[in-house]
């Protein structure tokens, strides 16, 4: 399994699927499944039983996993989707935007 180019905290845009065009911040990356949870994207309703943490129970909304291949990093300079590359700067490996050629 290869290294994922999207990290927690990145701002991404959905490039395919029902939520195409939606933007959000990556909350968590599940590397085993090549999926991520993006804030405010792919919301699903979950029926929850009453518990000590949630005494009311009922229907709640939460973010579901979305595949990494359907996400693209948003370039901070242009505000558009961009591909990610790696290069060596002063002996350190850094990610950079292929569109604006700036380090991320």
Protein backbone atom coordinates (compact mmCIF):
# COMPACT_ATOMS: atom_id res chain seq x y z
CA UNK A 1 0.00 0.00 0.00
CA UNK A 2 1.43 3.35 -1.02
CA UNK A 3 1.73 6.56 0.90
CA UNK A 4 -1.36 8.76 0.94
CA UNK A 5 -0.91 12.33 -0.28
CA UNK A 6 -3.83 13.74 1.73
CA UNK A 7 -3.24 14.40 5.42
CA UNK A 8 -5.38 15.32 8.42
CA UNK A 9 -6.09 19.05 8.43
CA UNK A 10 -5.85 19.53 4.64
CA UNK A 11 -8.62 21.35 2.80
CA UNK A 12 -9.96 19.13 0.03
CA UNK A 13 -12.63 19.19 -2.66
CA UNK A 14 -14.71 16.15 -3.70
CA UNK A 15 -14.05 15.37 -7.37
CA UNK A 16 -16.50 12.48 -7.93
CA UNK A 17 -19.68 10.99 -6.56
CA UNK A 18 -22.85 12.41 -5.01
CA UNK A 19 -20.99 15.17 -3.16
CA UNK A 20 -18.94 16.39 -6.13
CA UNK A 21 -17.82 20.00 -5.69
CA UNK A 22 -18.13 20.03 -1.88
CA UNK A 23 -15.18 21.38 0.09
CA UNK A 24 -14.13 20.61 3.63
CA UNK A 25 -11.31 19.96 6.05
CA UNK A 26 -10.01 16.41 6.53
CA UNK A 27 -10.82 15.31 10.07
CA UNK A 28 -9.33 11.82 9.95
CA UNK A 29 -7.58 9.50 7.48
CA UNK A 30 -8.04 5.72 7.64
CA UNK A 31 -4.92 4.46 5.92
CA UNK A 32 -5.90 0.75 5.90
CA UNK A 33 -9.01 1.45 3.81
CA UNK A 34 -7.64 4.43 1.79
CA UNK A 35 -10.54 6.54 3.05
CA UNK A 36 -10.97 9.83 4.89
CA UNK A 37 -13.60 11.70 6.88
CA UNK A 38 -14.20 15.22 5.56
CA UNK A 39 -15.97 17.87 7.64
CA UNK A 40 -19.53 18.50 6.40
CA UNK A 41 -19.28 16.09 3.45
CA UNK A 42 -20.99 12.70 3.02
CA UNK A 43 -23.35 13.20 5.96
CA UNK A 44 -25.38 10.13 6.95
CA UNK A 45 -28.20 9.71 9.46
CA UNK A 46 -27.57 7.22 12.25
CA UNK A 47 -30.24 5.83 14.56
CA UNK A 48 -28.82 5.72 18.09
CA UNK A 49 -30.22 4.03 21.17
CA UNK A 50 -30.36 6.05 24.39
CA UNK A 51 -27.14 5.78 26.40
CA UNK A 52 -25.37 7.56 29.23
CA UNK A 53 -23.60 9.85 26.75
CA UNK A 54 -26.80 10.49 24.75
CA UNK A 55 -29.82 9.93 27.06
CA UNK A 56 -32.33 11.16 24.46
CA UNK A 57 -31.20 8.80 21.68
CA UNK A 58 -32.82 9.39 18.29
CA UNK A 59 -31.49 10.19 14.83
CA UNK A 60 -28.12 11.93 14.58
CA UNK A 61 -26.09 13.07 11.58
CA UNK A 62 -22.40 12.31 11.20
CA UNK A 63 -19.74 12.27 8.50
CA UNK A 64 -19.10 8.98 6.74
CA UNK A 65 -15.90 7.76 5.09
CA UNK A 66 -15.15 8.81 1.52
CA UNK A 67 -12.49 7.23 -0.69
CA UNK A 68 -9.21 9.14 -1.13
CA UNK A 69 -9.43 8.77 -4.93
CA UNK A 70 -12.54 11.00 -4.88
CA UNK A 71 -10.70 13.82 -3.06
CA UNK A 72 -8.30 16.43 -4.36
CA UNK A 73 -6.27 18.92 -2.37
CA UNK A 74 -7.24 22.60 -2.68
CA UNK A 75 -4.36 24.87 -3.64
CA UNK A 76 -4.10 27.72 -1.13
CA UNK A 77 -2.89 30.16 -3.81
CA UNK A 78 -5.50 29.55 -6.52
CA UNK A 79 -8.34 27.98 -4.49
CA UNK A 80 -8.71 25.20 -7.07
CA UNK A 81 -8.12 21.46 -6.95
CA UNK A 82 -4.52 20.42 -7.52
CA UNK A 83 -2.36 17.33 -7.59
CA UNK A 84 0.29 16.75 -4.95
CA UNK A 85 3.95 15.94 -5.52
CA UNK A 86 7.00 15.41 -3.35
CA UNK A 87 10.45 16.97 -3.68
CA UNK A 88 13.56 17.49 -1.61
CA UNK A 89 14.15 21.00 -0.19
CA UNK A 90 17.34 21.42 1.87
CA UNK A 91 17.49 17.69 2.58
CA UNK A 92 13.84 17.49 3.69
CA UNK A 93 11.02 15.83 1.82
CA UNK A 94 8.15 18.31 1.33
CA UNK A 95 4.76 18.15 -0.40
CA UNK A 96 4.08 20.70 -3.12
CA UNK A 97 1.18 21.75 -5.28
CA UNK A 98 1.73 20.78 -8.91
CA UNK A 99 -0.44 23.69 -10.08
CA UNK A 100 1.35 26.56 -8.33
CA UNK A 101 4.61 24.69 -7.55
CA UNK A 102 4.53 25.94 -3.92
CA UNK A 103 5.24 23.88 -0.83
CA UNK A 104 2.21 22.84 1.20
